[in-house]
Amino acid sequence: MIVYIEDTLIENFLITYIILCIIFSFIREEKHKIRMILASIFGAVVALLYPIINLNSFFILILKICMGYIITLIAYKNASLKKQIFFFVMFMFITAVYGGINLMLYYCLYGNFESSKKLPTVLILISVSVVTYFIKQCEQVIYKKKTLNNFIYDVVINLNSTTIKTKGYLDSGNILCDTITNKPVVLVNFKMFSKINKDFLLQNLITKNTNGLKNGHYINVKTATSNDSLLAFCVDSLQIVQKDKTITILNPTFALTKVKISGLDCDVVLNPKLIMEG
């Protein structure tokens, strides 16, 4: 029985500590290691009491929720009640995920939930490690998308009677300037190019004929390995909608990029000079 108690203490201490680490990583706040260790010890000790407490399942659930809130209070002290509650909800959710995975493993191993046996410690730690890995991957995807969204703007493109509302990504790597007018260049993919210039013939693109484009011309672009040229043209105006203002650029230069704009929910790559000059 002593081994069982030791195993339970170690398992619950490690799982609680890992969950707290995940949440601190998710909220991007500094970890309080001493508080986390104290919270994990408290959680491990409380976990020993559940089997010997003579309460029905409903009151056990209420008790676990209360204990979970105390654990989060020990680990994370914040003046904002909203953040404190969010931390608690995250803790309970991830705990439930770990618990569900281990219940599934228990059923697969023993065939029912009535067995007096317990999962091997090694198997529990392996399952926790696997789940933690997938949670971390989800976290990175969420924050990557959130970071990208900070650089995505609503844009309005006007040319003759055509008005297009779409999204534009502000890319600090787009420093391309028109070699003729010295204007900063906005890059668009073929999908957006076709929307703007609906009457432009595909054969003209193949033969490098710029007829039908406003101020159509080619821009020479030097790369590390070769020289290339991009089809450039102008539109009547471009509006970049920010939170506090709207920047309007008259006769901006656009260019058809041959590079696929992937990973972004937009077909336009803005030039940072447009924002600075606006």
C-alpha atoms as a PDB file:
ATOM      1  CA  MET A   1       0.000   0.000   0.000  1.00  0.00           C
ATOM      2  CA  ILE A   2       2.957   2.307   0.665  1.00  0.00           C
ATOM      3  CA  VAL A   3       4.095   1.865  -2.937  1.00  0.00           C
ATOM      4  CA  TYR A   4       0.590   2.677  -4.128  1.00  0.00           C
ATOM      5  CA  ILE A   5       0.556   5.902  -2.074  1.00  0.00           C
ATOM      6  CA  GLU A   6       3.985   6.881  -3.365  1.00  0.00           C
ATOM      7  CA  ASP A   7       2.953   6.175  -6.957  1.00  0.00           C
ATOM      8  CA  THR A   8      -0.249   8.188  -6.550  1.00  0.00           C
ATOM      9  CA  LEU A   9       1.622  11.129  -5.041  1.00  0.00           C
ATOM     10  CA  ILE A  10       4.235  11.129  -7.803  1.00  0.00           C
ATOM     11  CA  GLU A  11       1.696  10.719 -10.597  1.00  0.00           C
ATOM     12  CA  ASN A  12      -0.637  13.461  -9.391  1.00  0.00           C
ATOM     13  CA  PHE A  13       2.203  15.832  -8.544  1.00  0.00           C
ATOM     14  CA  LEU A  14       3.708  15.480 -12.036  1.00  0.00           C
ATOM     15  CA  ILE A  15       0.364  15.706 -13.832  1.00  0.00           C
ATOM     16  CA  THR A  16      -0.707  18.802 -11.877  1.00  0.00           C
ATOM     17  CA  TYR A  17       2.658  20.464 -12.474  1.00  0.00           C
ATOM     18  CA  ILE A  18       2.550  19.667 -16.218  1.00  0.00           C
ATOM     19  CA  ILE A  19      -0.991  21.068 -16.504  1.00  0.00           C
ATOM     20  CA  LEU A  20       0.067  24.282 -14.757  1.00  0.00           C
ATOM     21  CA  CYS A  21       3.095  24.586 -17.083  1.00  0.00           C
ATOM     22  CA  ILE A  22       0.842  24.218 -20.133  1.00  0.00           C
ATOM     23  CA  ILE A  23      -1.563  26.916 -18.931  1.00  0.00           C
ATOM     24  CA  PHE A  24       1.220  29.391 -18.116  1.00  0.00           C
ATOM     25  CA  SER A  25       2.662  28.752 -21.567  1.00  0.00           C
ATOM     26  CA  PHE A  26      -0.754  29.278 -23.140  1.00  0.00           C
ATOM     27  CA  ILE A  27      -1.447  32.597 -21.383  1.00  0.00           C
ATOM     28  CA  ARG A  28       2.134  33.749 -22.044  1.00  0.00           C
ATOM     29  CA  GLU A  29       2.813  34.776 -18.467  1.00  0.00           C
ATOM     30  CA  GLU A  30       5.827  34.144 -16.253  1.00  0.00           C
ATOM     31  CA  LYS A  31       5.690  30.921 -14.253  1.00  0.00           C
ATOM     32  CA  HIS A  32       5.773  31.108 -10.440  1.00  0.00           C
ATOM     33  CA  LYS A  33       7.685  27.886  -9.802  1.00  0.00           C
ATOM     34  CA  ILE A  34       7.412  27.887  -5.995  1.00  0.00           C
ATOM     35  CA  ARG A  35       3.658  28.454  -6.149  1.00  0.00           C
ATOM     36  CA  MET A  36       3.348  25.778  -8.853  1.00  0.00           C
ATOM     37  CA  ILE A  37       5.247  23.245  -6.718  1.00  0.00           C
ATOM     38  CA  LEU A  38       3.090  24.042  -3.673  1.00  0.00           C
ATOM     39  CA  ALA A  39      -0.083  23.747  -5.776  1.00  0.00           C
ATOM     40  CA  SER A  40       1.094  20.421  -7.216  1.00  0.00           C
ATOM     41  CA  ILE A  41       1.878  19.049  -3.749  1.00  0.00           C
ATOM     42  CA  PHE A  42      -1.561  20.133  -2.546  1.00  0.00           C
ATOM     43  CA  GLY A  43      -3.203  18.474  -5.558  1.00  0.00           C
ATOM     44  CA  ALA A  44      -1.257  15.245  -5.042  1.00  0.00           C
ATOM     45  CA  VAL A  45      -2.170  15.037  -1.343  1.00  0.00           C
ATOM     46  CA  VAL A  46      -5.842  15.769  -1.989  1.00  0.00           C
ATOM     47  CA  ALA A  47      -5.901  13.034  -4.673  1.00  0.00           C
ATOM     48  CA  LEU A  48      -5.098  10.503  -1.929  1.00  0.00           C
ATOM     49  CA  LEU A  49      -8.211  11.492   0.019  1.00  0.00           C
ATOM     50  CA  TYR A  50     -10.808  10.928  -2.710  1.00  0.00           C
ATOM     51  CA  PRO A  51     -10.872   7.080  -2.416  1.00  0.00           C
ATOM     52  CA  ILE A  52     -11.417   7.194   1.361  1.00  0.00           C
ATOM     53  CA  ILE A  53     -14.049   9.951   1.428  1.00  0.00           C
ATOM     54  CA  ASN A  54     -17.482   8.390   1.784  1.00  0.00           C
ATOM     55  CA  LEU A  55     -19.479  10.711  -0.479  1.00  0.00           C
ATOM     56  CA  ASN A  56     -21.626  10.058  -3.526  1.00  0.00           C
ATOM     57  CA  SER A  57     -20.302  10.901  -6.975  1.00  0.00           C
ATOM     58  CA  PHE A  58     -22.097  14.270  -7.142  1.00  0.00           C
ATOM     59  CA  PHE A  59     -20.459  15.608  -3.970  1.00  0.00           C
ATOM     60  CA  ILE A  60     -17.112  14.162  -5.037  1.00  0.00           C
ATOM     61  CA  LEU A  61     -17.431  16.151  -8.278  1.00  0.00           C
ATOM     62  CA  ILE A  62     -18.228  19.342  -6.360  1.00  0.00           C
ATOM     63  CA  LEU A  63     -15.264  18.680  -4.072  1.00  0.00           C
ATOM     64  CA  LYS A  64     -12.931  18.173  -7.056  1.00  0.00           C
ATOM     65  CA  ILE A  65     -14.087  21.453  -8.595  1.00  0.00           C
ATOM     66  CA  CYS A  66     -13.453  23.279  -5.298  1.00  0.00           C
ATOM     67  CA  MET A  67     -10.033  21.673  -4.921  1.00  0.00           C
ATOM     68  CA  GLY A  68      -9.220  22.576  -8.523  1.00  0.00           C
ATOM     69  CA  TYR A  69     -10.030  26.211  -7.835  1.00  0.00           C
ATOM     70  CA  ILE A  70      -7.824  26.179  -4.715  1.00  0.00           C
ATOM     71  CA  ILE A  71      -4.967  24.682  -6.754  1.00  0.00           C
ATOM     72  CA  THR A  72      -5.256  27.477  -9.323  1.00  0.00           C
ATOM     73  CA  LEU A  73      -5.405  30.105  -6.564  1.00  0.00           C
ATOM     74  CA  ILE A  74      -2.162  28.751  -5.105  1.00  0.00           C
ATOM     75  CA  ALA A  75      -0.404  28.551  -8.496  1.00  0.00           C
ATOM     76  CA  TYR A  76      -1.694  31.745 -10.079  1.00  0.00           C
ATOM     77  CA  LYS A  77      -2.548  34.891  -8.183  1.00  0.00           C
ATOM     78  CA  ASN A  78      -3.853  37.669 -10.403  1.00  0.00           C
ATOM     79  CA  ALA A  79      -5.696  40.870  -9.558  1.00  0.00           C
ATOM     80  CA  SER A  80      -8.035  40.287 -12.480  1.00  0.00           C
ATOM     81  CA  LEU A  81     -10.910  37.962 -11.535  1.00  0.00           C
ATOM     82  CA  LYS A  82     -11.531  37.304 -15.240  1.00  0.00           C
ATOM     83  CA  LYS A  83      -7.988  35.978 -15.731  1.00  0.00           C
ATOM     84  CA  GLN A  84      -8.217  33.923 -12.543  1.00  0.00           C
ATOM     85  CA  ILE A  85     -11.446  32.277 -13.707  1.00  0.00           C
ATOM     86  CA  PHE A  86      -9.978  31.656 -17.172  1.00  0.00           C
ATOM     87  CA  PHE A  87      -6.955  29.973 -15.559  1.00  0.00           C
ATOM     88  CA  PHE A  88      -9.278  27.777 -13.475  1.00  0.00           C
ATOM     89  CA  VAL A  89     -11.427  26.813 -16.482  1.00  0.00           C
ATOM     90  CA  MET A  90      -8.288  25.907 -18.461  1.00  0.00           C
ATOM     91  CA  PHE A  91      -7.040  23.803 -15.535  1.00  0.00           C
ATOM     92  CA  MET A  92     -10.313  21.872 -15.223  1.00  0.00           C
ATOM     93  CA  PHE A  93     -10.588  21.354 -18.991  1.00  0.00           C
ATOM     94  CA  ILE A  94      -7.062  19.968 -19.405  1.00  0.00           C
ATOM     95  CA  THR A  95      -7.490  17.833 -16.270  1.00  0.00           C
ATOM     96  CA  ALA A  96     -10.665  16.374 -17.773  1.00  0.00           C
ATOM     97  CA  VAL A  97      -8.821  15.638 -21.034  1.00  0.00           C
ATOM     98  CA  TYR A  98      -6.061  13.770 -19.179  1.00  0.00           C
ATOM     99  CA  GLY A  99      -8.627  11.918 -17.074  1.00  0.00           C
ATOM    100  CA  GLY A 100     -10.652  10.887 -20.139  1.00  0.00           C
ATOM    101  CA  ILE A 101      -7.570   9.551 -21.918  1.00  0.00           C
ATOM    102  CA  ASN A 102      -6.538   7.508 -18.894  1.00  0.00           C
ATOM    103  CA  LEU A 103     -10.076   6.119 -18.471  1.00  0.00           C
ATOM    104  CA  MET A 104      -9.988   5.017 -22.100  1.00  0.00           C
ATOM    105  CA  LEU A 105      -6.615   3.329 -21.564  1.00  0.00           C
ATOM    106  CA  TYR A 106      -7.927   1.661 -18.400  1.00  0.00           C
ATOM    107  CA  TYR A 107     -10.934   0.238 -20.240  1.00  0.00           C
ATOM    108  CA  CYS A 108      -8.776  -0.957 -23.148  1.00  0.00           C
ATOM    109  CA  LEU A 109      -6.384  -2.666 -20.734  1.00  0.00           C
ATOM    110  CA  TYR A 110      -8.842  -4.242 -18.260  1.00  0.00           C
ATOM    111  CA  GLY A 111     -12.149  -4.310 -20.179  1.00  0.00           C
ATOM    112  CA  ASN A 112     -14.241  -2.616 -17.470  1.00  0.00           C
ATOM    113  CA  PHE A 113     -14.110   0.078 -14.781  1.00  0.00           C
ATOM    114  CA  GLU A 114     -14.826  -2.250 -11.870  1.00  0.00           C
ATOM    115  CA  SER A 115     -11.334  -3.672 -11.624  1.00  0.00           C
ATOM    116  CA  SER A 116      -9.362  -2.870  -8.462  1.00  0.00           C
ATOM    117  CA  LYS A 117      -6.192  -2.617 -10.498  1.00  0.00           C
ATOM    118  CA  LYS A 118      -4.568   0.675 -11.464  1.00  0.00           C
ATOM    119  CA  LEU A 119      -2.840   1.811 -14.613  1.00  0.00           C
ATOM    120  CA  PRO A 120       0.953   1.389 -14.591  1.00  0.00           C
ATOM    121  CA  THR A 121       2.696   4.652 -13.734  1.00  0.00           C
ATOM    122  CA  VAL A 122       4.805   4.455 -16.878  1.00  0.00           C
ATOM    123  CA  LEU A 123       1.702   4.164 -19.062  1.00  0.00           C
ATOM    124  CA  ILE A 124       0.078   7.151 -17.333  1.00  0.00           C
ATOM    125  CA  LEU A 125       3.164   9.297 -17.850  1.00  0.00           C
ATOM    126  CA  ILE A 126       3.441   8.240 -21.507  1.00  0.00           C
ATOM    127  CA  SER A 127      -0.213   9.146 -22.138  1.00  0.00           C
ATOM    128  CA  VAL A 128       0.276  12.497 -20.383  1.00  0.00           C
ATOM    129  CA  SER A 129       3.350  13.194 -22.505  1.00  0.00           C
ATOM    130  CA  VAL A 130       1.511  12.398 -25.754  1.00  0.00           C
ATOM    131  CA  VAL A 131      -1.506  14.541 -24.834  1.00  0.00           C
ATOM    132  CA  THR A 132       0.799  17.374 -23.725  1.00  0.00           C
ATOM    133  CA  TYR A 133       2.570  17.278 -27.084  1.00  0.00           C
ATOM    134  CA  PHE A 134      -0.703  17.637 -29.005  1.00  0.00           C
ATOM    135  CA  ILE A 135      -1.906  20.439 -26.702  1.00  0.00           C
ATOM    136  CA  LYS A 136       1.364  22.303 -27.295  1.00  0.00           C
ATOM    137  CA  GLN A 137       0.978  21.893 -31.045  1.00  0.00           C
ATOM    138  CA  CYS A 138      -2.557  23.317 -30.882  1.00  0.00           C
ATOM    139  CA  GLU A 139      -1.292  26.193 -28.766  1.00  0.00           C
ATOM    140  CA  GLN A 140       1.382  27.082 -31.334  1.00  0.00           C
ATOM    141  CA  VAL A 141      -1.143  27.003 -34.177  1.00  0.00           C
ATOM    142  CA  ILE A 142      -3.530  29.278 -32.246  1.00  0.00           C
ATOM    143  CA  TYR A 143      -0.832  31.828 -31.404  1.00  0.00           C
ATOM    144  CA  LYS A 144       0.619  31.767 -34.879  1.00  0.00           C
ATOM    145  CA  LYS A 145      -2.806  32.562 -36.309  1.00  0.00           C
ATOM    146  CA  LYS A 146      -3.364  35.239 -33.670  1.00  0.00           C
ATOM    147  CA  THR A 147       0.001  36.835 -34.466  1.00  0.00           C
ATOM    148  CA  LEU A 148      -0.702  36.800 -38.204  1.00  0.00           C
ATOM    149  CA  ASN A 149      -4.126  38.342 -37.653  1.00  0.00           C
ATOM    150  CA  ASN A 150      -2.445  41.390 -36.105  1.00  0.00           C
ATOM    151  CA  PHE A 151      -0.949  42.126 -39.531  1.00  0.00           C
ATOM    152  CA  ILE A 152      -4.045  41.476 -41.629  1.00  0.00           C
ATOM    153  CA  TYR A 153      -6.080  44.510 -42.695  1.00  0.00           C
ATOM    154  CA  ASP A 154      -9.304  45.083 -44.559  1.00  0.00           C
ATOM    155  CA  VAL A 155      -8.467  46.635 -47.928  1.00  0.00           C
ATOM    156  CA  VAL A 156     -10.566  48.142 -50.699  1.00  0.00           C
ATOM    157  CA  ILE A 157      -9.243  48.168 -54.283  1.00  0.00           C
ATOM    158  CA  ASN A 158     -10.837  50.497 -56.843  1.00  0.00           C
ATOM    159  CA  LEU A 159     -10.264  50.411 -60.599  1.00  0.00           C
ATOM    160  CA  ASN A 160     -12.729  52.060 -62.981  1.00  0.00           C
ATOM    161  CA  SER A 161     -16.110  50.575 -62.019  1.00  0.00           C
ATOM    162  CA  THR A 162     -14.613  47.643 -60.110  1.00  0.00           C
ATOM    163  CA  THR A 163     -14.515  47.742 -56.302  1.00  0.00           C
ATOM    164  CA  ILE A 164     -13.030  44.798 -54.430  1.00  0.00           C
ATOM    165  CA  LYS A 165     -13.114  44.365 -50.662  1.00  0.00           C
ATOM    166  CA  THR A 166     -10.640  41.811 -49.380  1.00  0.00           C
ATOM    167  CA  LYS A 167      -7.899  41.161 -46.820  1.00  0.00           C
ATOM    168  CA  GLY A 168      -4.312  42.305 -47.096  1.00  0.00           C
ATOM    169  CA  TYR A 169      -1.333  40.946 -45.174  1.00  0.00           C
ATOM    170  CA  LEU A 170       1.275  43.487 -44.096  1.00  0.00           C
ATOM    171  CA  ASP A 171       4.568  41.725 -44.782  1.00  0.00           C
ATOM    172  CA  SER A 172       7.740  43.349 -43.469  1.00  0.00           C
ATOM    173  CA  GLY A 173       9.624  41.253 -46.029  1.00  0.00           C
ATOM    174  CA  ASN A 174       7.889  42.984 -48.933  1.00  0.00           C
ATOM    175  CA  ILE A 175      10.254  45.884 -49.584  1.00  0.00           C
ATOM    176  CA  LEU A 176       9.788  45.823 -53.369  1.00  0.00           C
ATOM    177  CA  CYS A 177       9.624  49.221 -55.089  1.00  0.00           C
ATOM    178  CA  ASP A 178       8.709  50.027 -58.678  1.00  0.00           C
ATOM    179  CA  THR A 179      11.971  50.606 -60.557  1.00  0.00           C
ATOM    180  CA  ILE A 180      10.218  53.180 -62.793  1.00  0.00           C
ATOM    181  CA  THR A 181       8.086  55.215 -60.365  1.00  0.00           C
ATOM    182  CA  ASN A 182       9.933  54.281 -57.150  1.00  0.00           C
ATOM    183  CA  LYS A 183       6.558  53.578 -55.517  1.00  0.00           C
ATOM    184  CA  PRO A 184       6.148  50.731 -53.004  1.00  0.00           C
ATOM    185  CA  VAL A 185       4.610  47.674 -54.654  1.00  0.00           C
ATOM    186  CA  VAL A 186       1.594  45.697 -53.478  1.00  0.00           C
ATOM    187  CA  LEU A 187       1.776  42.025 -54.430  1.00  0.00           C
ATOM    188  CA  VAL A 188      -1.276  40.044 -55.555  1.00  0.00           C
ATOM    189  CA  ASN A 189      -1.711  36.453 -56.649  1.00  0.00           C
ATOM    190  CA  PHE A 190      -3.302  35.412 -59.934  1.00  0.00           C
ATOM    191  CA  LYS A 191      -6.728  35.008 -58.342  1.00  0.00           C
ATOM    192  CA  MET A 192      -6.808  38.639 -57.194  1.00  0.00           C
ATOM    193  CA  PHE A 193      -5.129  39.851 -60.401  1.00  0.00           C
ATOM    194  CA  SER A 194      -7.987  38.305 -62.419  1.00  0.00           C
ATOM    195  CA  LYS A 195     -10.605  39.966 -60.226  1.00  0.00           C
ATOM    196  CA  ILE A 196      -9.048  43.404 -60.625  1.00  0.00           C
ATOM    197  CA  ASN A 197      -8.367  43.102 -64.355  1.00  0.00           C
ATOM    198  CA  LYS A 198     -11.393  41.107 -65.492  1.00  0.00           C
ATOM    199  CA  ASP A 199     -10.935  41.963 -69.181  1.00  0.00           C
ATOM    200  CA  PHE A 200      -7.234  41.188 -69.365  1.00  0.00           C
ATOM    201  CA  LEU A 201      -6.562  38.288 -71.703  1.00  0.00           C
ATOM    202  CA  LEU A 202      -4.489  35.333 -70.520  1.00  0.00           C
ATOM    203  CA  GLN A 203      -2.639  35.225 -73.845  1.00  0.00           C
ATOM    204  CA  ASN A 204      -1.381  38.759 -73.148  1.00  0.00           C
ATOM    205  CA  LEU A 205       0.163  37.471 -69.932  1.00  0.00           C
ATOM    206  CA  ILE A 206       1.930  34.726 -71.858  1.00  0.00           C
ATOM    207  CA  THR A 207       3.237  37.106 -74.532  1.00  0.00           C
ATOM    208  CA  LYS A 208       4.040  39.860 -71.986  1.00  0.00           C
ATOM    209  CA  ASN A 209       1.612  42.236 -73.684  1.00  0.00           C
ATOM    210  CA  THR A 210       0.495  44.888 -71.160  1.00  0.00           C
ATOM    211  CA  ASN A 211      -2.402  46.231 -73.246  1.00  0.00           C
ATOM    212  CA  GLY A 212      -5.537  46.587 -71.131  1.00  0.00           C
ATOM    213  CA  LEU A 213      -3.655  47.317 -67.918  1.00  0.00           C
ATOM    214  CA  LYS A 214      -3.460  50.746 -66.331  1.00  0.00           C
ATOM    215  CA  ASN A 215       0.191  51.793 -66.579  1.00  0.00           C
ATOM    216  CA  GLY A 216       1.120  48.190 -67.321  1.00  0.00           C
ATOM    217  CA  HIS A 217       4.846  47.434 -67.342  1.00  0.00           C
ATOM    218  CA  TYR A 218       7.384  44.956 -66.047  1.00  0.00           C
ATOM    219  CA  ILE A 219       9.584  45.359 -62.971  1.00  0.00           C
ATOM    220  CA  ASN A 220      13.014  43.751 -62.908  1.00  0.00           C
ATOM    221  CA  VAL A 221      13.586  41.858 -59.686  1.00  0.00           C
ATOM    222  CA  LYS A 222      16.958  40.518 -58.615  1.00  0.00           C
ATOM    223  CA  THR A 223      17.089  37.464 -56.352  1.00  0.00           C
ATOM    224  CA  ALA A 224      20.034  35.650 -54.823  1.00  0.00           C
ATOM    225  CA  THR A 225      20.099  33.148 -57.671  1.00  0.00           C
ATOM    226  CA  SER A 226      18.635  34.879 -60.727  1.00  0.00           C
ATOM    227  CA  ASN A 227      16.999  37.895 -62.329  1.00  0.00           C
ATOM    228  CA  ASP A 228      13.246  37.917 -62.830  1.00  0.00           C
ATOM    229  CA  SER A 229      10.489  40.296 -63.870  1.00  0.00           C
ATOM    230  CA  LEU A 230       7.038  40.931 -62.435  1.00  0.00           C
ATOM    231  CA  LEU A 231       4.026  42.280 -64.285  1.00  0.00           C
ATOM    232  CA  ALA A 232       3.138  45.608 -62.676  1.00  0.00           C
ATOM    233  CA  PHE A 233       0.076  47.802 -63.076  1.00  0.00           C
ATOM    234  CA  CYS A 234      -1.793  50.581 -61.292  1.00  0.00           C
ATOM    235  CA  VAL A 235      -5.281  50.870 -59.829  1.00  0.00           C
ATOM    236  CA  ASP A 236      -7.245  54.053 -59.132  1.00  0.00           C
ATOM    237  CA  SER A 237      -6.972  53.771 -55.361  1.00  0.00           C
ATOM    238  CA  LEU A 238      -6.228  51.473 -52.472  1.00  0.00           C
ATOM    239  CA  GLN A 239      -7.775  51.878 -49.034  1.00  0.00           C
ATOM    240  CA  ILE A 240      -6.220  50.227 -45.979  1.00  0.00           C
ATOM    241  CA  VAL A 241      -8.641  50.120 -43.067  1.00  0.00           C
ATOM    242  CA  GLN A 242      -7.056  50.373 -39.623  1.00  0.00           C
ATOM    243  CA  LYS A 243      -8.725  50.525 -36.219  1.00  0.00           C
ATOM    244  CA  ASP A 244      -8.460  54.285 -35.852  1.00  0.00           C
ATOM    245  CA  LYS A 245      -8.186  55.465 -39.452  1.00  0.00           C
ATOM    246  CA  THR A 246      -8.347  54.565 -43.124  1.00  0.00           C
ATOM    247  CA  ILE A 247      -5.324  55.153 -45.340  1.00  0.00           C
ATOM    248  CA  THR A 248      -6.106  55.972 -48.974  1.00  0.00           C
ATOM    249  CA  ILE A 249      -3.368  55.674 -51.618  1.00  0.00           C
ATOM    250  CA  LEU A 250      -4.049  57.052 -55.083  1.00  0.00           C
ATOM    251  CA  ASN A 251      -2.668  55.248 -58.141  1.00  0.00           C
ATOM    252  CA  PRO A 252      -0.711  52.635 -56.180  1.00  0.00           C
ATOM    253  CA  THR A 253       1.461  50.120 -58.000  1.00  0.00           C
ATOM    254  CA  PHE A 254       0.470  46.449 -57.898  1.00  0.00           C
ATOM    255  CA  ALA A 255       2.456  43.473 -59.172  1.00  0.00           C
ATOM    256  CA  LEU A 256       1.492  39.908 -59.982  1.00  0.00           C
ATOM    257  CA  THR A 257       3.569  37.598 -57.813  1.00  0.00           C
ATOM    258  CA  LYS A 258       4.590  34.163 -58.998  1.00  0.00           C
ATOM    259  CA  VAL A 259       5.085  32.990 -55.430  1.00  0.00           C
ATOM    260  CA  LYS A 260       2.099  31.240 -53.907  1.00  0.00           C
ATOM    261  CA  ILE A 261       0.666  33.129 -50.947  1.00  0.00           C
ATOM    262  CA  SER A 262       0.113  30.218 -48.578  1.00  0.00           C
ATOM    263  CA  GLY A 263      -0.895  29.987 -44.928  1.00  0.00           C
ATOM    264  CA  LEU A 264      -2.770  33.297 -45.139  1.00  0.00           C
ATOM    265  CA  ASP A 265      -6.440  33.964 -45.606  1.00  0.00           C
ATOM    266  CA  CYS A 266      -5.781  36.764 -48.083  1.00  0.00           C
ATOM    267  CA  ASP A 267      -4.654  37.319 -51.679  1.00  0.00           C
ATOM    268  CA  VAL A 268      -2.877  40.654 -51.189  1.00  0.00           C
ATOM    269  CA  VAL A 269       0.540  41.343 -49.639  1.00  0.00           C
ATOM    270  CA  LEU A 270       0.896  44.947 -48.516  1.00  0.00           C
ATOM    271  CA  ASN A 271       4.106  46.939 -48.476  1.00  0.00           C
ATOM    272  CA  PRO A 272       4.946  48.419 -45.025  1.00  0.00           C
ATOM    273  CA  LYS A 273       5.955  51.722 -46.689  1.00  0.00           C
ATOM    274  CA  LEU A 274       2.278  52.288 -47.499  1.00  0.00           C
ATOM    275  CA  ILE A 275       1.447  52.300 -43.785  1.00  0.00           C
ATOM    276  CA  MET A 276       4.389  54.488 -42.832  1.00  0.00           C
ATOM    277  CA  GLU A 277       3.749  57.012 -45.558  1.00  0.00           C
ATOM    278  CA  GLY A 278       0.007  57.021 -44.816  1.00  0.00           C
END
